[in-house]
Amino acid sequence: MRDRHLHERLFSTMRQARLEIFQWLTYYNARRRYSAISYLSPIEFEQHHQRERRITLAA
């Protein structure tokens, strides 16, 4: 599991720690699928919402 990876990891430098934590946060907040939004990632959900909005405005 990806989140356990960070908890069990020892980083050799602060730069390495920051990079890996940033990558994990990007995954967790942007690409991870959420059950509350029909198992879409936040990015997919936002894109779908924007498409629906454009269709509504065009009609």
C-alpha atoms as a PDB file:
ATOM      1  CA  MET A   1       0.000   0.000   0.000  1.00  0.00           C
ATOM      2  CA  ARG A   2       1.412   3.354  -0.978  1.00  0.00           C
ATOM      3  CA  ASP A   3       0.652   5.258   2.241  1.00  0.00           C
ATOM      4  CA  ARG A   4       2.484   2.704   4.379  1.00  0.00           C
ATOM      5  CA  HIS A   5       5.529   3.208   2.253  1.00  0.00           C
ATOM      6  CA  LEU A   6       6.032   6.699   3.648  1.00  0.00           C
ATOM      7  CA  HIS A   7       5.481   5.675   7.254  1.00  0.00           C
ATOM      8  CA  GLU A   8       8.097   2.918   7.089  1.00  0.00           C
ATOM      9  CA  ARG A   9      10.629   4.874   5.024  1.00  0.00           C
ATOM     10  CA  LEU A  10      13.811   6.479   6.222  1.00  0.00           C
ATOM     11  CA  PHE A  11      14.940   9.282   3.955  1.00  0.00           C
ATOM     12  CA  SER A  12      18.597  10.004   3.448  1.00  0.00           C
ATOM     13  CA  THR A  13      18.084  13.722   2.765  1.00  0.00           C
ATOM     14  CA  MET A  14      15.454  16.365   3.429  1.00  0.00           C
ATOM     15  CA  ARG A  15      15.168  16.920  -0.329  1.00  0.00           C
ATOM     16  CA  GLN A  16      14.363  13.248  -0.892  1.00  0.00           C
ATOM     17  CA  ALA A  17      11.761  13.322   1.882  1.00  0.00           C
ATOM     18  CA  ARG A  18      10.083  16.421   0.471  1.00  0.00           C
ATOM     19  CA  LEU A  19      10.004  15.006  -3.050  1.00  0.00           C
ATOM     20  CA  GLU A  20       8.498  11.676  -2.010  1.00  0.00           C
ATOM     21  CA  ILE A  21       5.963  13.317   0.297  1.00  0.00           C
ATOM     22  CA  PHE A  22       4.963  15.724  -2.492  1.00  0.00           C
ATOM     23  CA  GLN A  23       4.524  12.780  -4.881  1.00  0.00           C
ATOM     24  CA  TRP A  24       2.402  10.927  -2.332  1.00  0.00           C
ATOM     25  CA  LEU A  25       0.234  13.982  -1.661  1.00  0.00           C
ATOM     26  CA  THR A  26      -0.244  14.507  -5.387  1.00  0.00           C
ATOM     27  CA  TYR A  27      -1.409  10.920  -5.724  1.00  0.00           C
ATOM     28  CA  TYR A  28      -3.610  11.078  -2.630  1.00  0.00           C
ATOM     29  CA  ASN A  29      -5.280  14.397  -3.403  1.00  0.00           C
ATOM     30  CA  ALA A  30      -5.406  14.349  -7.200  1.00  0.00           C
ATOM     31  CA  ARG A  31      -5.390  10.824  -8.573  1.00  0.00           C
ATOM     32  CA  ARG A  32      -6.767   8.546  -5.875  1.00  0.00           C
ATOM     33  CA  ARG A  33     -10.316   7.420  -6.578  1.00  0.00           C
ATOM     34  CA  TYR A  34     -12.978   8.372  -4.041  1.00  0.00           C
ATOM     35  CA  SER A  35     -16.137   6.381  -3.381  1.00  0.00           C
ATOM     36  CA  ALA A  36     -18.041   9.570  -2.512  1.00  0.00           C
ATOM     37  CA  ILE A  37     -17.653  10.836  -6.087  1.00  0.00           C
ATOM     38  CA  SER A  38     -18.492   7.621  -7.952  1.00  0.00           C
ATOM     39  CA  TYR A  39     -14.959   6.241  -7.764  1.00  0.00           C
ATOM     40  CA  LEU A  40     -13.506   9.043  -9.835  1.00  0.00           C
ATOM     41  CA  SER A  41     -10.319  10.863  -9.027  1.00  0.00           C
ATOM     42  CA  PRO A  42     -10.788  14.517  -8.062  1.00  0.00           C
ATOM     43  CA  ILE A  43      -9.309  15.536 -11.425  1.00  0.00           C
ATOM     44  CA  GLU A  44     -11.737  13.298 -13.342  1.00  0.00           C
ATOM     45  CA  PHE A  45     -14.649  14.564 -11.252  1.00  0.00           C
ATOM     46  CA  GLU A  46     -13.718  18.193 -11.925  1.00  0.00           C
ATOM     47  CA  GLN A  47     -13.339  17.549 -15.674  1.00  0.00           C
ATOM     48  CA  HIS A  48     -16.735  15.840 -15.782  1.00  0.00           C
ATOM     49  CA  HIS A  49     -18.320  18.694 -13.823  1.00  0.00           C
ATOM     50  CA  GLN A  50     -16.820  21.293 -16.185  1.00  0.00           C
ATOM     51  CA  ARG A  51     -18.085  19.382 -19.262  1.00  0.00           C
ATOM     52  CA  GLU A  52     -21.582  19.157 -17.785  1.00  0.00           C
ATOM     53  CA  ARG A  53     -21.513  22.866 -16.979  1.00  0.00           C
ATOM     54  CA  ARG A  54     -20.495  23.777 -20.545  1.00  0.00           C
ATOM     55  CA  ILE A  55     -23.277  21.612 -21.975  1.00  0.00           C
ATOM     56  CA  THR A  56     -25.829  23.262 -19.658  1.00  0.00           C
ATOM     57  CA  LEU A  57     -24.635  26.760 -20.565  1.00  0.00           C
ATOM     58  CA  ALA A  58     -24.744  25.939 -24.288  1.00  0.00           C
ATOM     59  CA  ALA A  59     -28.325  24.665 -24.127  1.00  0.00           C
END
